[in-house]
Amino acid sequence: MRPRQFTLCSVKATSTASLLLRHGNSEQFEVSLVDTILQHLAQERLKDTEVFSTVKVGDQDDSVV
């Protein structure tokens, strides 16, 4: 069984290109993706707020897709 601190319970996109992550141990973090989106052409689509807002927790509760 995976420790709760490594289990993602929820992820929410913000209007400022950040992700709000909540883990199984109730810890919450905000991760800004602004620099990543601006520096990497492969992330170009994430500039579209409709695309960015489709973020969700992955199948194994340990990733973001």
C-alpha atoms as a PDB file:
ATOM      1  CA  MET A   1       0.000   0.000   0.000  1.00  0.00           C
ATOM      2  CA  ARG A   2       1.298   3.449  -0.926  1.00  0.00           C
ATOM      3  CA  PRO A   3       1.778   5.975   1.910  1.00  0.00           C
ATOM      4  CA  ARG A   4      -0.947   8.634   1.952  1.00  0.00           C
ATOM      5  CA  GLN A   5       1.515  11.465   1.296  1.00  0.00           C
ATOM      6  CA  PHE A   6       2.182   9.939  -2.141  1.00  0.00           C
ATOM      7  CA  THR A   7      -1.494   9.573  -3.068  1.00  0.00           C
ATOM      8  CA  LEU A   8      -3.117  12.444  -4.960  1.00  0.00           C
ATOM      9  CA  CYS A   9      -6.716  13.039  -3.938  1.00  0.00           C
ATOM     10  CA  SER A  10      -7.467  16.001  -6.158  1.00  0.00           C
ATOM     11  CA  VAL A  11      -5.990  18.423  -8.635  1.00  0.00           C
ATOM     12  CA  LYS A  12      -7.482  21.723  -9.726  1.00  0.00           C
ATOM     13  CA  ALA A  13      -6.266  24.130 -12.393  1.00  0.00           C
ATOM     14  CA  THR A  14      -6.113  27.822 -11.514  1.00  0.00           C
ATOM     15  CA  SER A  15      -6.526  30.813 -13.789  1.00  0.00           C
ATOM     16  CA  THR A  16      -2.842  31.652 -13.235  1.00  0.00           C
ATOM     17  CA  ALA A  17      -1.509  28.427 -14.831  1.00  0.00           C
ATOM     18  CA  SER A  18      -0.937  26.682 -11.523  1.00  0.00           C
ATOM     19  CA  LEU A  19      -2.153  23.367 -10.180  1.00  0.00           C
ATOM     20  CA  LEU A  20      -3.583  22.947  -6.704  1.00  0.00           C
ATOM     21  CA  LEU A  21      -2.669  19.451  -5.521  1.00  0.00           C
ATOM     22  CA  ARG A  22      -4.192  17.762  -2.470  1.00  0.00           C
ATOM     23  CA  HIS A  23      -2.587  14.599  -1.140  1.00  0.00           C
ATOM     24  CA  GLY A  24      -4.005  11.768   0.950  1.00  0.00           C
ATOM     25  CA  ASN A  25      -2.399  13.103   4.122  1.00  0.00           C
ATOM     26  CA  SER A  26      -4.335  16.405   3.677  1.00  0.00           C
ATOM     27  CA  GLU A  27      -1.248  18.349   2.554  1.00  0.00           C
ATOM     28  CA  GLN A  28      -1.959  20.877  -0.193  1.00  0.00           C
ATOM     29  CA  PHE A  29       0.465  22.437  -2.645  1.00  0.00           C
ATOM     30  CA  GLU A  30       0.283  24.952  -5.452  1.00  0.00           C
ATOM     31  CA  VAL A  31       2.592  24.255  -8.375  1.00  0.00           C
ATOM     32  CA  SER A  32       3.107  27.015 -10.925  1.00  0.00           C
ATOM     33  CA  LEU A  33       3.580  25.832 -14.506  1.00  0.00           C
ATOM     34  CA  VAL A  34       4.002  29.304 -16.014  1.00  0.00           C
ATOM     35  CA  ASP A  35       7.730  28.983 -16.743  1.00  0.00           C
ATOM     36  CA  THR A  36       7.381  25.428 -18.064  1.00  0.00           C
ATOM     37  CA  ILE A  37       4.570  26.402 -20.416  1.00  0.00           C
ATOM     38  CA  LEU A  38       6.464  29.439 -21.710  1.00  0.00           C
ATOM     39  CA  GLN A  39       9.822  27.684 -22.159  1.00  0.00           C
ATOM     40  CA  HIS A  40       8.751  24.436 -23.849  1.00  0.00           C
ATOM     41  CA  LEU A  41       6.995  24.432 -27.204  1.00  0.00           C
ATOM     42  CA  ALA A  42       5.519  21.010 -26.455  1.00  0.00           C
ATOM     43  CA  GLN A  43       3.439  22.681 -23.714  1.00  0.00           C
ATOM     44  CA  GLU A  44       2.023  25.366 -26.052  1.00  0.00           C
ATOM     45  CA  ARG A  45      -1.539  23.965 -25.875  1.00  0.00           C
ATOM     46  CA  LEU A  46      -1.618  24.541 -22.116  1.00  0.00           C
ATOM     47  CA  LYS A  47      -1.814  28.290 -22.774  1.00  0.00           C
ATOM     48  CA  ASP A  48      -5.436  27.646 -23.737  1.00  0.00           C
ATOM     49  CA  THR A  49      -7.403  27.807 -20.466  1.00  0.00           C
ATOM     50  CA  GLU A  50      -9.991  25.326 -21.761  1.00  0.00           C
ATOM     51  CA  VAL A  51      -7.253  22.747 -22.325  1.00  0.00           C
ATOM     52  CA  PHE A  52      -5.461  23.548 -19.057  1.00  0.00           C
ATOM     53  CA  SER A  53      -8.673  23.190 -17.056  1.00  0.00           C
ATOM     54  CA  THR A  54      -9.129  19.551 -18.147  1.00  0.00           C
ATOM     55  CA  VAL A  55      -6.422  18.421 -15.716  1.00  0.00           C
ATOM     56  CA  LYS A  56      -7.247  15.381 -13.580  1.00  0.00           C
ATOM     57  CA  VAL A  57      -5.630  12.847 -11.261  1.00  0.00           C
ATOM     58  CA  GLY A  58      -4.147   9.863 -13.133  1.00  0.00           C
ATOM     59  CA  ASP A  59      -5.461   6.296 -12.885  1.00  0.00           C
ATOM     60  CA  GLN A  60      -3.060   5.234 -10.135  1.00  0.00           C
ATOM     61  CA  ASP A  61      -3.627   8.383  -8.003  1.00  0.00           C
ATOM     62  CA  ASP A  62       0.059   9.294  -8.304  1.00  0.00           C
ATOM     63  CA  SER A  63       0.148  11.457 -11.416  1.00  0.00           C
ATOM     64  CA  VAL A  64      -1.583  14.357 -13.151  1.00  0.00           C
ATOM     65  CA  VAL A  65      -2.942  14.068 -16.695  1.00  0.00           C
END
